[in-house]
Protein backbone atom coordinates (compact mmCIF):
# COMPACT_ATOMS: atom_id res chain seq x y z
CA MET A 1 -13.72 7.18 -13.16
CA VAL A 2 -11.99 10.77 -11.94
CA TRP A 3 -14.39 11.21 -9.40
CA TRP A 4 -13.75 8.08 -7.93
CA THR A 5 -9.62 8.40 -7.41
CA ARG A 6 -10.78 12.37 -6.74
CA ALA A 7 -13.14 11.49 -3.57
CA LEU A 8 -11.71 8.24 -2.18
CA CYS A 9 -7.90 7.49 -3.40
CA ALA A 10 -5.90 11.07 -3.47
CA VAL A 11 -4.49 12.98 -0.41
CA SER A 12 -5.47 16.15 1.04
CA ILE A 13 -2.32 18.76 1.66
CA ALA A 14 -4.23 20.34 4.41
CA LEU A 15 -5.67 17.26 6.19
CA GLY A 16 -1.88 15.85 6.35
CA SER A 17 -0.24 19.24 7.41
CA VAL A 18 -2.75 19.31 10.42
CA ALA A 19 -2.63 15.60 11.07
CA VAL A 20 0.74 14.96 11.05
CA ALA A 21 1.46 17.35 13.99
CA SER A 22 -1.34 15.68 15.57
CA ASP A 23 0.77 13.54 18.43
CA GLY A 24 -0.29 10.33 16.98
CA GLY A 25 -3.90 10.53 17.77
CA GLU A 26 -6.66 9.34 14.97
CA GLY A 27 -5.40 12.14 12.65
CA SER A 28 -2.25 10.29 12.55
CA LEU A 29 -3.94 7.48 10.77
CA GLN A 30 -5.93 9.07 9.31
CA THR A 31 -2.69 11.13 7.51
CA LEU A 32 -1.17 7.51 6.85
CA VAL A 33 -4.51 6.37 5.24
CA SER A 34 -4.15 9.72 3.04
CA TRP A 35 -0.77 9.53 2.35
CA MET A 36 -1.20 5.48 1.34
CA CYS A 37 -4.39 6.06 -1.27
CA GLY A 38 -3.65 7.39 -4.44
CA SER A 39 -1.44 6.53 -7.59
CA PHE A 40 1.78 6.18 -7.75
CA THR A 41 4.72 5.30 -10.47
CA SER A 42 8.26 4.14 -10.26
CA ALA A 43 8.73 5.64 -14.33
CA ALA A 44 11.84 7.74 -12.83
CA GLN A 45 13.55 5.50 -10.52
CA SER A 46 13.25 2.95 -13.41
CA GLN A 47 14.60 5.67 -15.89
CA GLU A 48 17.67 6.43 -13.79
CA ASN A 49 18.52 2.10 -12.59
CA PRO A 50 18.02 -0.28 -14.82
CA GLU A 51 17.64 -2.65 -12.25
CA TYR A 52 14.43 -0.93 -11.38
CA LEU A 53 10.93 -1.28 -13.88
CA ASP A 54 8.70 0.88 -14.69
CA VAL A 55 5.34 -0.32 -12.14
CA ARG A 56 2.45 1.25 -11.64
CA LEU A 57 0.42 1.06 -7.87
CA HIS A 58 -3.01 2.36 -7.77
CA THR A 59 -4.28 2.32 -3.86
CA ALA A 60 -8.15 2.72 -2.59
CA ARG A 61 -9.92 3.47 0.70
CA ILE A 62 -12.75 0.37 0.65
CA TRP A 63 -15.40 -0.20 3.20
CA PRO A 64 -15.81 3.50 4.85
CA GLU A 65 -18.56 2.41 6.69
CA ARG A 66 -16.39 -0.10 9.09
CA ASP A 67 -15.51 1.00 12.51
CA ASP A 68 -12.23 -1.45 12.83
CA GLY A 69 -9.75 0.89 11.38
CA TYR A 70 -9.08 1.44 7.57
CA TRP A 71 -9.24 -0.59 4.41
CA LEU A 72 -7.61 -0.43 1.61
CA TYR A 73 -7.44 -2.28 -2.13
CA VAL A 74 -4.14 -2.49 -3.53
CA GLU A 75 -3.13 -3.17 -7.38
CA GLN A 76 0.58 -3.53 -8.93
CA ALA A 77 1.02 -3.40 -12.39
CA MET A 78 4.17 -3.16 -15.28
CA ALA A 79 3.63 0.17 -17.07
CA TRP A 80 3.16 -1.84 -20.18
CA SER A 81 0.40 -4.82 -18.84
CA GLN A 82 -1.92 -2.49 -16.36
CA ASP A 83 -4.74 -4.67 -17.56
CA GLU A 84 -3.32 -7.63 -15.82
CA PRO A 85 -1.85 -6.56 -12.47
CA HIS A 86 0.83 -8.91 -10.81
CA ARG A 87 -0.39 -7.94 -7.00
CA GLN A 88 -3.54 -7.28 -5.74
CA ARG A 89 -4.27 -7.11 -2.22
CA VAL A 90 -6.45 -5.85 0.66
CA TYR A 91 -4.46 -4.05 3.83
CA HIS A 92 -6.24 -3.33 6.91
CA LEU A 93 -4.79 -0.37 8.82
CA THR A 94 -5.19 0.08 12.76
CA GLN A 95 -3.24 1.74 15.23
CA VAL A 96 -1.20 -0.07 17.90
CA GLU A 97 -0.53 2.79 20.21
CA ALA A 98 0.75 6.11 19.92
CA ASP A 99 3.39 6.81 16.89
CA VAL A 100 2.78 2.98 16.05
CA PHE A 101 0.79 1.66 13.40
CA GLN A 102 -0.35 -1.81 11.74
CA SER A 103 -0.95 -2.74 8.11
CA GLU A 104 -2.21 -5.96 7.77
CA ALA A 105 -2.15 -7.70 4.26
CA PHE A 106 -5.10 -10.13 2.92
CA GLU A 107 -4.92 -12.20 -0.52
CA ILE A 108 -8.00 -11.86 -2.81
CA ARG A 109 -9.66 -15.01 -4.06
CA ASP A 110 -9.60 -15.08 -7.94
CA PRO A 111 -7.72 -11.23 -7.90
CA LEU A 112 -8.16 -10.78 -11.66
CA ARG A 113 -11.95 -9.98 -11.56
CA PHE A 114 -11.15 -7.25 -9.29
CA ALA A 115 -8.21 -5.76 -11.87
CA GLY A 116 -8.64 -1.97 -12.17
CA ALA A 117 -11.35 -1.88 -9.59
CA TRP A 118 -9.61 1.62 -8.27
CA ARG A 119 -11.24 3.39 -11.16
CA ASP A 120 -15.26 2.36 -10.17
CA PRO A 121 -16.40 1.69 -6.64
CA ASP A 122 -19.18 -0.68 -8.26
CA ALA A 123 -16.33 -2.88 -9.44
CA LEU A 124 -15.99 -3.47 -5.99
CA SER A 125 -19.17 -4.28 -5.00
CA GLY A 126 -18.57 -8.12 -5.16
CA LEU A 127 -15.52 -8.27 -2.50
CA ALA A 128 -16.09 -8.52 0.80
CA PRO A 129 -13.89 -9.55 4.33
CA ASP A 130 -15.14 -12.91 4.53
CA SER A 131 -13.72 -13.39 0.94
CA LEU A 132 -9.90 -12.70 1.92
CA GLU A 133 -7.11 -14.28 3.10
CA ALA A 134 -4.95 -13.16 6.01
CA ARG A 135 -1.22 -13.62 4.91
CA THR A 136 0.14 -14.54 8.54
CA GLY A 137 2.94 -12.98 9.93
CA CYS A 138 3.33 -10.31 6.86
CA ALA A 139 1.54 -7.28 9.08
CA VAL A 140 3.44 -4.39 8.71
CA THR A 141 4.77 -1.96 11.88
CA LEU A 142 4.96 1.50 10.69
CA ARG A 143 6.02 4.06 13.11
CA LYS A 144 5.98 8.34 12.39
CA GLN A 145 9.25 9.99 12.15
CA ALA A 146 8.79 13.09 11.37
CA ASP A 147 7.11 13.91 8.11
CA ALA A 148 6.93 9.88 7.50
CA PHE A 149 6.06 6.40 8.73
CA VAL A 150 8.58 4.05 8.57
CA GLY A 151 8.93 0.30 9.32
CA GLY A 152 8.42 -2.92 7.71
CA THR A 153 7.89 -6.65 8.48
CA SER A 154 9.02 -8.57 11.58
CA GLY A 155 12.25 -11.38 11.59
CA ARG A 156 11.07 -14.61 9.35
CA GLY A 157 7.59 -14.74 10.00
CA CYS A 158 5.75 -13.70 6.62
CA GLU A 159 6.45 -17.26 4.49
CA SER A 160 7.04 -17.32 0.90
CA THR A 161 7.53 -20.25 -1.64
CA LEU A 162 7.72 -17.55 -4.84
CA ARG A 163 10.79 -18.20 -6.43
CA GLY A 164 12.60 -20.40 -4.26
CA ALA A 165 12.55 -18.28 -0.98
CA ALA A 166 11.08 -19.61 2.14
CA PHE A 167 10.22 -16.25 3.35
CA VAL A 168 10.06 -12.56 2.47
CA THR A 169 10.68 -9.25 4.32
CA SER A 170 8.85 -5.79 3.50
CA ASP A 171 10.76 -2.26 4.50
CA VAL A 172 8.00 0.52 3.94
CA VAL A 173 8.49 4.52 3.99
CA VAL A 174 5.64 6.65 3.35
CA THR A 175 5.60 10.35 2.63
CA GLU A 176 2.81 13.19 1.40
CA SER A 177 4.60 12.29 -2.03
CA THR A 178 5.94 9.26 -2.37
CA PHE A 179 5.50 5.24 -1.24
CA THR A 180 8.80 3.09 -1.12
CA THR A 181 8.23 -0.62 -0.95
CA TRP A 182 11.74 -2.55 -0.51
CA ASP A 183 10.63 -6.73 -0.91
CA ARG A 184 12.81 -8.92 -0.96
CA GLY A 185 12.71 -13.39 -1.00
CA PHE A 186 15.42 -15.49 1.16
CA ALA A 187 15.53 -18.78 1.04
CA ALA A 188 15.91 -20.79 4.56
CA THR A 189 19.84 -20.43 4.80
CA GLY A 190 19.16 -16.39 4.56
CA VAL A 191 20.28 -15.79 1.38
CA GLN A 192 18.48 -13.51 -0.78
CA VAL A 193 16.75 -15.26 -3.95
CA TRP A 194 14.91 -12.33 -5.29
CA GLY A 195 13.95 -8.46 -5.12
CA PRO A 196 16.46 -5.39 -5.25
CA GLU A 197 19.40 -5.27 -3.57
CA ASN A 198 20.29 -2.21 -3.20
CA GLY A 199 16.67 -0.41 -2.28
CA GLY A 200 13.38 -0.35 -2.59
CA TYR A 201 11.24 0.63 -5.18
CA VAL A 202 10.35 4.68 -5.09
CA PHE A 203 7.06 5.30 -6.26
CA LYS A 204 5.97 8.76 -6.51
CA ARG A 205 2.46 10.35 -6.99
CA ASN A 206 1.25 10.66 -9.78
CA GLY A 207 -1.56 13.36 -10.02
CA ILE A 208 -2.86 16.03 -7.50
CA HIS A 209 -4.34 14.97 -4.28
CA THR A 210 -7.62 15.15 -2.42
CA SER A 211 -9.20 14.08 0.85
CA ALA A 212 -9.19 10.16 0.85
CA PHE A 213 -12.32 10.80 3.69
CA ALA A 214 -14.14 13.08 1.23
CA SER A 215 -18.13 11.78 0.53
CA ASN A 216 -18.87 10.40 -3.01
CA PRO A 217 -20.31 12.64 -4.63
């Protein structure tokens, strides 16, 4: 639904420009959340470099009534199979200290039942915090640097067995108009076994942005 995306998913330019200048306070956390919310596409990058696929990324704020930080539902799918996302997560964003923020990742049990839920809040009515599984060691720490939030996971703590990997790393850069993620899998020897070798996926915001903190109409 368009109003769902407009009210809870997209970014407010006015909010962002004020909050970034707030010296790492609550406003900066709200800016990070707002910039992460919305619909994004890597179509331009895939056209320029065949190493990268055309992927769609959608992020929606959920559980706005909670007071323990901000919670986001995240869905990622290939452009040609958007009804079958290959990644569905819940992120929990909190402020650690001035200009330092943490995004914890959670897996969803039976995630495909929520495919496309970013479009419609009713589809997320069955999703509750106690139905999530924490991805231990996979938290991303982000620091505000000028007009961006930059960071990633730490060391080898994010374990994985996907495609022969022993652990994964994730590097992230969030700006007002782009969301860059570089996920890579490594064997126990430290050799990279999957993921782009020359940089992350650059997702560009798709569509207009309004406030992620607006009330539902």
